[in-house]
Amino acid sequence: MDTPAHRWLSIIFTVTVIANFVAMTKGQPPAWIVYSPLIPLFLLLFSGLYMFVLPYTGKRRSGAAREHARST
C-alpha cells in the first residue's frame, strides 16, 4: 500500500543524501546542502505515518458501516 508520493520522496531523499556525501568529499559543504535531506525526510515521516494509520482507519470505517447495516 505504497503511495506514489512516498516513493518519489524516498528517491528525492536518497539523491540529497548522495549529494551531501559527494559535497563532503570536496571539503566543507554549504549549510543548504547539509540540511537539504531534512525536508524530504520530514515529508517521508508524515506520509509514512499516514500509510501506517490507513489500514486501521479503513477497518474502523468498514466496521461502523457493518454495524449501521445490522441496526437498520
C-alpha atoms as a PDB file:
ATOM      1  CA  MET A   1       0.000   0.000   0.000  1.00  0.00           C
ATOM      2  CA  ASP A   2       2.720   2.395  -1.075  1.00  0.00           C
ATOM      3  CA  THR A   3       1.687   5.813  -2.304  1.00  0.00           C
ATOM      4  CA  PRO A   4       3.494   7.278  -5.323  1.00  0.00           C
ATOM      5  CA  ALA A   5       4.294  10.447  -3.370  1.00  0.00           C
ATOM      6  CA  HIS A   6       6.061   8.438  -0.660  1.00  0.00           C
ATOM      7  CA  ARG A   7       8.061   6.566  -3.285  1.00  0.00           C
ATOM      8  CA  TRP A   8       9.155   9.774  -5.039  1.00  0.00           C
ATOM      9  CA  LEU A   9      10.008  11.398  -1.723  1.00  0.00           C
ATOM     10  CA  SER A  10      12.265   8.470  -0.897  1.00  0.00           C
ATOM     11  CA  ILE A  11      14.052   8.901  -4.236  1.00  0.00           C
ATOM     12  CA  ILE A  12      14.497  12.634  -3.589  1.00  0.00           C
ATOM     13  CA  PHE A  13      15.767  11.905  -0.076  1.00  0.00           C
ATOM     14  CA  THR A  14      18.283   9.378  -1.403  1.00  0.00           C
ATOM     15  CA  VAL A  15      19.551  11.826  -4.021  1.00  0.00           C
ATOM     16  CA  THR A  16      20.004  14.588  -1.443  1.00  0.00           C
ATOM     17  CA  VAL A  17      21.928  12.253   0.872  1.00  0.00           C
ATOM     18  CA  ILE A  18      24.199  11.164  -2.001  1.00  0.00           C
ATOM     19  CA  ALA A  19      24.734  14.814  -2.961  1.00  0.00           C
ATOM     20  CA  ASN A  20      25.610  15.520   0.657  1.00  0.00           C
ATOM     21  CA  PHE A  21      28.302  12.826   0.688  1.00  0.00           C
ATOM     22  CA  VAL A  22      29.697  13.972  -2.667  1.00  0.00           C
ATOM     23  CA  ALA A  23      29.864  17.563  -1.412  1.00  0.00           C
ATOM     24  CA  MET A  24      31.654  16.428   1.747  1.00  0.00           C
ATOM     25  CA  THR A  25      34.423  14.803  -0.306  1.00  0.00           C
ATOM     26  CA  LYS A  26      35.199  18.204  -1.824  1.00  0.00           C
ATOM     27  CA  GLY A  27      35.592  19.979   1.519  1.00  0.00           C
ATOM     28  CA  GLN A  28      33.182  21.698   3.861  1.00  0.00           C
ATOM     29  CA  PRO A  29      29.806  21.844   2.070  1.00  0.00           C
ATOM     30  CA  PRO A  30      27.455  24.817   2.375  1.00  0.00           C
ATOM     31  CA  ALA A  31      24.752  24.612   5.021  1.00  0.00           C
ATOM     32  CA  TRP A  32      21.930  24.314   2.485  1.00  0.00           C
ATOM     33  CA  ILE A  33      23.449  21.065   1.158  1.00  0.00           C
ATOM     34  CA  VAL A  34      23.966  19.678   4.645  1.00  0.00           C
ATOM     35  CA  TYR A  35      20.384  20.353   5.691  1.00  0.00           C
ATOM     36  CA  SER A  36      18.704  19.613   2.346  1.00  0.00           C
ATOM     37  CA  PRO A  37      17.819  15.968   3.241  1.00  0.00           C
ATOM     38  CA  LEU A  38      15.738  17.140   6.197  1.00  0.00           C
ATOM     39  CA  ILE A  39      12.810  18.429   4.134  1.00  0.00           C
ATOM     40  CA  PRO A  40      12.125  15.158   2.289  1.00  0.00           C
ATOM     41  CA  LEU A  41      12.858  13.244   5.497  1.00  0.00           C
ATOM     42  CA  PHE A  42      10.086  15.041   7.384  1.00  0.00           C
ATOM     43  CA  LEU A  43       7.711  14.626   4.446  1.00  0.00           C
ATOM     44  CA  LEU A  44       8.564  10.903   4.417  1.00  0.00           C
ATOM     45  CA  LEU A  45       7.777  10.768   8.124  1.00  0.00           C
ATOM     46  CA  PHE A  46       4.311  12.220   7.623  1.00  0.00           C
ATOM     47  CA  SER A  47       3.456  10.145   4.557  1.00  0.00           C
ATOM     48  CA  GLY A  48       4.759   7.008   6.281  1.00  0.00           C
ATOM     49  CA  LEU A  49       2.672   7.683   9.369  1.00  0.00           C
ATOM     50  CA  TYR A  50      -0.336   8.252   7.120  1.00  0.00           C
ATOM     51  CA  MET A  51       0.202   4.903   5.396  1.00  0.00           C
ATOM     52  CA  PHE A  52       0.696   3.231   8.792  1.00  0.00           C
ATOM     53  CA  VAL A  53      -2.630   4.523  10.126  1.00  0.00           C
ATOM     54  CA  LEU A  54      -4.575   3.977   6.891  1.00  0.00           C
ATOM     55  CA  PRO A  55      -5.411   0.258   7.400  1.00  0.00           C
ATOM     56  CA  TYR A  56      -6.682   0.894  10.921  1.00  0.00           C
ATOM     57  CA  THR A  57      -8.988   3.704   9.869  1.00  0.00           C
ATOM     58  CA  GLY A  58     -10.272   1.599   6.959  1.00  0.00           C
ATOM     59  CA  LYS A  59     -11.166  -1.270   9.292  1.00  0.00           C
ATOM     60  CA  ARG A  60     -12.881   1.111  11.672  1.00  0.00           C
ATOM     61  CA  ARG A  61     -14.962   2.607   8.866  1.00  0.00           C
ATOM     62  CA  SER A  62     -15.958  -0.766   7.444  1.00  0.00           C
ATOM     63  CA  GLY A  63     -16.872  -1.976  10.946  1.00  0.00           C
ATOM     64  CA  ALA A  64     -19.026   1.079  11.526  1.00  0.00           C
ATOM     65  CA  ALA A  65     -20.748   0.531   8.190  1.00  0.00           C
ATOM     66  CA  ARG A  66     -21.497  -3.092   9.133  1.00  0.00           C
ATOM     67  CA  GLU A  67     -22.918  -2.044  12.497  1.00  0.00           C
ATOM     68  CA  HIS A  68     -25.098   0.522  10.801  1.00  0.00           C
ATOM     69  CA  ALA A  69     -26.319  -2.098   8.309  1.00  0.00           C
ATOM     70  CA  ARG A  70     -27.156  -4.532  11.128  1.00  0.00           C
ATOM     71  CA  SER A  71     -29.153  -1.985  13.079  1.00  0.00           C
ATOM     72  CA  THR A  72     -31.250  -0.979  10.062  1.00  0.00           C
END
